[in-house]
């Protein structure tokens, strides 16, 4: 099976996909990532929106609504599959320590 061009995921992409287990808009995604990373990861808006565009292009996330002008995103089944593949890869890597 051919490896996907965005794999392995960057730390940023991991956090975004994990955050989007619930529908969120851009600023809420940044806040959720700050919470999940215990303040260790801070995303600039340009970084976030570039990553969202890439992930939407590969059907890992989708826009599920609007809140005023804010687009709300959520992870897709394909995004869940990618997270599972990455989790298995990381669990294996950690088992080698």
N, C-alpha and C. Protein backbone atom coordinates (compact mmCIF):
# COMPACT_ATOMS: atom_id res chain seq x y z
N UNK A 1 0.84 -1.19 0.00
CA UNK A 1 0.00 0.00 0.00
C UNK A 1 0.88 1.24 0.00
N UNK A 2 0.57 2.20 -0.87
CA UNK A 2 1.35 3.42 -0.99
C UNK A 2 1.12 4.31 0.24
N UNK A 3 2.21 4.86 0.74
CA UNK A 3 2.15 5.72 1.91
C UNK A 3 1.54 7.07 1.52
N UNK A 4 0.66 7.59 2.37
CA UNK A 4 0.03 8.87 2.13
C UNK A 4 1.08 9.98 2.23
N UNK A 5 1.01 11.01 1.38
CA UNK A 5 2.04 12.06 1.40
C UNK A 5 2.09 12.89 2.69
N UNK A 6 1.03 12.89 3.48
CA UNK A 6 1.04 13.66 4.73
C UNK A 6 1.42 12.81 5.95
N UNK A 7 1.77 11.55 5.72
CA UNK A 7 2.17 10.68 6.83
C UNK A 7 3.68 10.55 6.88
N UNK A 8 4.26 10.46 8.05
CA UNK A 8 3.61 10.54 9.36
C UNK A 8 3.10 11.95 9.63
N UNK A 9 2.09 12.03 10.48
CA UNK A 9 1.51 13.32 10.82
C UNK A 9 2.46 14.14 11.66
N UNK A 10 2.41 15.46 11.45
CA UNK A 10 3.15 16.37 12.32
C UNK A 10 2.42 16.45 13.67
N UNK A 11 3.11 16.95 14.65
CA UNK A 11 2.50 17.14 15.96
C UNK A 11 1.25 18.03 15.84
N UNK A 12 1.35 19.08 15.05
CA UNK A 12 0.23 19.99 14.83
C UNK A 12 -0.98 19.25 14.28
N UNK A 13 -0.76 18.41 13.28
CA UNK A 13 -1.87 17.69 12.66
C UNK A 13 -2.50 16.69 13.64
N UNK A 14 -1.67 16.05 14.46
CA UNK A 14 -2.22 15.17 15.50
C UNK A 14 -3.18 15.95 16.39
N UNK A 15 -2.71 17.07 16.89
CA UNK A 15 -3.54 17.86 17.81
C UNK A 15 -4.83 18.34 17.14
N UNK A 16 -4.74 18.78 15.88
CA UNK A 16 -5.94 19.26 15.20
C UNK A 16 -6.96 18.14 15.05
N UNK A 17 -6.52 16.98 14.58
CA UNK A 17 -7.46 15.86 14.39
C UNK A 17 -8.05 15.40 15.72
N UNK A 18 -7.24 15.37 16.76
CA UNK A 18 -7.76 14.98 18.08
C UNK A 18 -8.77 16.01 18.58
N UNK A 19 -8.45 17.29 18.40
CA UNK A 19 -9.37 18.35 18.84
C UNK A 19 -10.70 18.26 18.10
N UNK A 20 -10.65 17.86 16.83
CA UNK A 20 -11.87 17.83 16.02
C UNK A 20 -12.70 16.55 16.22
N UNK A 21 -12.49 15.87 17.33
CA UNK A 21 -13.41 14.80 17.71
C UNK A 21 -14.77 15.41 18.03
N UNK A 22 -14.77 16.72 18.28
CA UNK A 22 -16.01 17.47 18.46
C UNK A 22 -16.00 18.62 17.45
N UNK A 23 -17.15 19.05 16.96
CA UNK A 23 -17.18 20.15 15.99
C UNK A 23 -16.70 21.46 16.61
N UNK A 24 -15.74 22.11 15.95
CA UNK A 24 -15.16 23.36 16.46
C UNK A 24 -14.84 24.32 15.31
N UNK A 25 -14.84 25.60 15.61
CA UNK A 25 -14.36 26.61 14.65
C UNK A 25 -12.89 26.88 14.95
N UNK A 26 -12.25 27.64 14.07
CA UNK A 26 -10.80 27.85 14.15
C UNK A 26 -10.28 28.29 15.50
N UNK A 27 -10.84 29.37 16.06
CA UNK A 27 -10.34 29.86 17.34
C UNK A 27 -10.55 28.82 18.44
N UNK A 28 -11.68 28.13 18.41
CA UNK A 28 -11.95 27.09 19.41
C UNK A 28 -10.96 25.93 19.26
N UNK A 29 -10.55 25.64 18.03
CA UNK A 29 -9.53 24.60 17.81
C UNK A 29 -8.24 25.01 18.49
N UNK A 30 -7.83 26.27 18.31
CA UNK A 30 -6.60 26.75 18.95
C UNK A 30 -6.70 26.65 20.47
N UNK A 31 -7.84 27.01 21.03
CA UNK A 31 -8.04 26.91 22.48
C UNK A 31 -7.99 25.46 22.95
N UNK A 32 -8.63 24.56 22.20
CA UNK A 32 -8.66 23.15 22.57
C UNK A 32 -7.25 22.56 22.54
N UNK A 33 -6.46 22.92 21.53
CA UNK A 33 -5.09 22.43 21.43
C UNK A 33 -4.25 22.95 22.59
N UNK A 34 -4.46 24.19 22.97
CA UNK A 34 -3.76 24.74 24.13
C UNK A 34 -4.10 23.92 25.38
N UNK A 35 -5.38 23.57 25.52
CA UNK A 35 -5.83 22.77 26.67
C UNK A 35 -5.24 21.35 26.60
N UNK A 36 -5.35 20.70 25.44
CA UNK A 36 -4.86 19.32 25.29
C UNK A 36 -3.36 19.22 25.54
N UNK A 37 -2.61 20.24 25.10
CA UNK A 37 -1.15 20.21 25.22
C UNK A 37 -0.66 20.82 26.53
N UNK A 38 -1.60 21.16 27.39
CA UNK A 38 -1.29 21.79 28.69
C UNK A 38 -0.43 23.03 28.48
N UNK A 39 -0.80 23.82 27.47
CA UNK A 39 -0.12 25.09 27.21
C UNK A 39 1.19 24.99 26.46
N UNK A 40 1.56 23.80 26.03
CA UNK A 40 2.85 23.60 25.35
C UNK A 40 2.82 23.91 23.87
N UNK A 41 1.65 23.81 23.24
CA UNK A 41 1.54 24.03 21.79
C UNK A 41 0.61 25.21 21.54
N UNK A 42 1.15 26.21 20.83
CA UNK A 42 0.37 27.39 20.45
C UNK A 42 0.43 27.50 18.94
N UNK A 43 -0.72 27.46 18.29
CA UNK A 43 -0.76 27.54 16.84
C UNK A 43 -1.05 28.95 16.38
N UNK A 44 -0.31 29.39 15.39
CA UNK A 44 -0.64 30.65 14.72
C UNK A 44 -1.80 30.38 13.79
N UNK A 45 -2.60 31.40 13.52
CA UNK A 45 -3.77 31.24 12.66
C UNK A 45 -3.37 30.72 11.28
N UNK A 46 -2.29 31.23 10.72
CA UNK A 46 -1.85 30.79 9.39
C UNK A 46 -1.49 29.32 9.36
N UNK A 47 -0.84 28.84 10.41
CA UNK A 47 -0.49 27.42 10.51
C UNK A 47 -1.74 26.57 10.59
N UNK A 48 -2.69 27.00 11.44
CA UNK A 48 -3.93 26.25 11.61
C UNK A 48 -4.71 26.18 10.31
N UNK A 49 -4.92 27.31 9.66
CA UNK A 49 -5.76 27.32 8.48
C UNK A 49 -5.10 26.61 7.29
N UNK A 50 -3.78 26.66 7.20
CA UNK A 50 -3.08 25.88 6.18
C UNK A 50 -3.27 24.39 6.40
N UNK A 51 -3.16 23.97 7.66
CA UNK A 51 -3.36 22.55 7.99
C UNK A 51 -4.81 22.13 7.74
N UNK A 52 -5.76 22.97 8.12
CA UNK A 52 -7.17 22.65 7.88
C UNK A 52 -7.45 22.49 6.39
N UNK A 53 -6.88 23.37 5.57
CA UNK A 53 -7.07 23.26 4.12
C UNK A 53 -6.52 21.94 3.60
N UNK A 54 -5.31 21.57 4.04
CA UNK A 54 -4.71 20.29 3.61
C UNK A 54 -5.56 19.11 4.03
N UNK A 55 -6.00 19.10 5.28
CA UNK A 55 -6.78 17.97 5.79
C UNK A 55 -8.14 17.88 5.10
N UNK A 56 -8.75 19.03 4.79
CA UNK A 56 -10.03 19.01 4.08
C UNK A 56 -9.84 18.48 2.66
N UNK A 57 -8.72 18.82 2.04
CA UNK A 57 -8.44 18.36 0.68
C UNK A 57 -8.37 16.83 0.63
N UNK A 58 -7.88 16.21 1.69
CA UNK A 58 -7.77 14.75 1.74
C UNK A 58 -8.96 14.09 2.44
N UNK A 59 -10.01 14.87 2.73
CA UNK A 59 -11.23 14.37 3.35
C UNK A 59 -10.99 13.80 4.76
N UNK A 60 -10.06 14.40 5.49
CA UNK A 60 -9.82 14.00 6.88
C UNK A 60 -10.71 14.79 7.82
N UNK A 61 -11.09 15.99 7.38
CA UNK A 61 -12.03 16.82 8.13
C UNK A 61 -13.02 17.39 7.13
N UNK A 62 -14.14 17.88 7.66
CA UNK A 62 -15.12 18.52 6.80
C UNK A 62 -15.76 19.68 7.54
N UNK A 63 -16.21 20.65 6.77
CA UNK A 63 -16.96 21.75 7.35
C UNK A 63 -18.37 21.24 7.60
N UNK A 64 -18.83 21.41 8.83
CA UNK A 64 -20.16 20.90 9.19
C UNK A 64 -21.15 22.00 9.53
N UNK A 65 -20.73 23.25 9.45
CA UNK A 65 -21.65 24.33 9.74
C UNK A 65 -20.96 25.67 9.77
N UNK A 66 -21.75 26.67 10.04
CA UNK A 66 -21.26 28.05 10.20
C UNK A 66 -21.81 28.61 11.49
N UNK A 67 -21.01 29.40 12.15
CA UNK A 67 -21.43 30.11 13.36
C UNK A 67 -21.10 31.58 13.08
N UNK A 68 -22.05 32.30 12.51
CA UNK A 68 -21.75 33.63 12.00
C UNK A 68 -20.86 33.47 10.78
N UNK A 69 -19.66 34.06 10.82
CA UNK A 69 -18.69 33.90 9.73
C UNK A 69 -17.72 32.75 10.00
N UNK A 70 -17.81 32.14 11.16
CA UNK A 70 -16.87 31.08 11.54
C UNK A 70 -17.29 29.74 10.96
N UNK A 71 -16.34 29.09 10.29
CA UNK A 71 -16.58 27.75 9.76
C UNK A 71 -16.34 26.74 10.88
N UNK A 72 -17.24 25.79 10.99
CA UNK A 72 -17.12 24.74 12.01
C UNK A 72 -16.69 23.46 11.30
N UNK A 73 -15.66 22.82 11.86
CA UNK A 73 -15.08 21.62 11.27
C UNK A 73 -15.25 20.43 12.21
N UNK A 74 -15.21 19.23 11.61
CA UNK A 74 -15.29 17.98 12.38
C UNK A 74 -14.49 16.92 11.63
N UNK A 75 -13.94 15.99 12.36
CA UNK A 75 -13.17 14.91 11.75
C UNK A 75 -14.12 13.97 10.99
N UNK A 76 -13.64 13.42 9.88
CA UNK A 76 -14.43 12.47 9.08
C UNK A 76 -14.02 11.04 9.44
N UNK A 77 -14.74 10.04 8.95
CA UNK A 77 -14.30 8.65 9.14
C UNK A 77 -12.88 8.41 8.59
N UNK A 78 -12.55 9.03 7.47
CA UNK A 78 -11.19 8.88 6.94
C UNK A 78 -10.16 9.51 7.88
N UNK A 79 -10.50 10.62 8.47
CA UNK A 79 -9.62 11.24 9.46
C UNK A 79 -9.44 10.34 10.67
N UNK A 80 -10.52 9.69 11.10
CA UNK A 80 -10.44 8.74 12.22
C UNK A 80 -9.51 7.57 11.85
N UNK A 81 -9.62 7.11 10.61
CA UNK A 81 -8.76 6.01 10.15
C UNK A 81 -7.28 6.42 10.18
N UNK A 82 -7.01 7.62 9.72
CA UNK A 82 -5.64 8.13 9.71
C UNK A 82 -5.11 8.22 11.14
N UNK A 83 -5.93 8.72 12.06
CA UNK A 83 -5.50 8.78 13.47
C UNK A 83 -5.20 7.38 14.01
N UNK A 84 -6.01 6.41 13.67
CA UNK A 84 -5.78 5.04 14.14
C UNK A 84 -4.47 4.47 13.58
N UNK A 85 -4.19 4.74 12.30
CA UNK A 85 -2.93 4.30 11.69
C UNK A 85 -1.75 4.93 12.41
N UNK A 86 -1.85 6.23 12.67
CA UNK A 86 -0.76 6.94 13.35
C UNK A 86 -0.60 6.48 14.79
N UNK A 87 -1.72 6.23 15.47
CA UNK A 87 -1.65 5.74 16.85
C UNK A 87 -0.92 4.41 16.89
N UNK A 88 -1.26 3.51 15.99
CA UNK A 88 -0.60 2.20 15.95
C UNK A 88 0.90 2.36 15.68
N UNK A 89 1.26 3.28 14.79
CA UNK A 89 2.67 3.52 14.48
C UNK A 89 3.40 4.03 15.72
N UNK A 90 2.79 4.97 16.44
CA UNK A 90 3.43 5.55 17.60
C UNK A 90 3.50 4.56 18.77
N UNK A 91 2.45 3.76 18.95
CA UNK A 91 2.47 2.74 20.02
C UNK A 91 3.61 1.76 19.74
N UNK A 92 3.77 1.35 18.49
CA UNK A 92 4.87 0.45 18.16
C UNK A 92 6.22 1.11 18.43
N UNK A 93 6.37 2.35 18.02
CA UNK A 93 7.63 3.06 18.25
C UNK A 93 7.94 3.16 19.74
N UNK A 94 6.94 3.52 20.54
CA UNK A 94 7.14 3.62 21.99
C UNK A 94 7.45 2.29 22.63
N UNK A 95 6.94 1.21 22.05
CA UNK A 95 7.21 -0.12 22.63
C UNK A 95 8.68 -0.50 22.48
N UNK A 96 9.37 0.18 21.60
CA UNK A 96 10.78 -0.12 21.37
C UNK A 96 11.70 0.52 22.40
N UNK A 97 11.17 1.45 23.18
CA UNK A 97 12.00 2.15 24.18
C UNK A 97 12.35 1.25 25.34
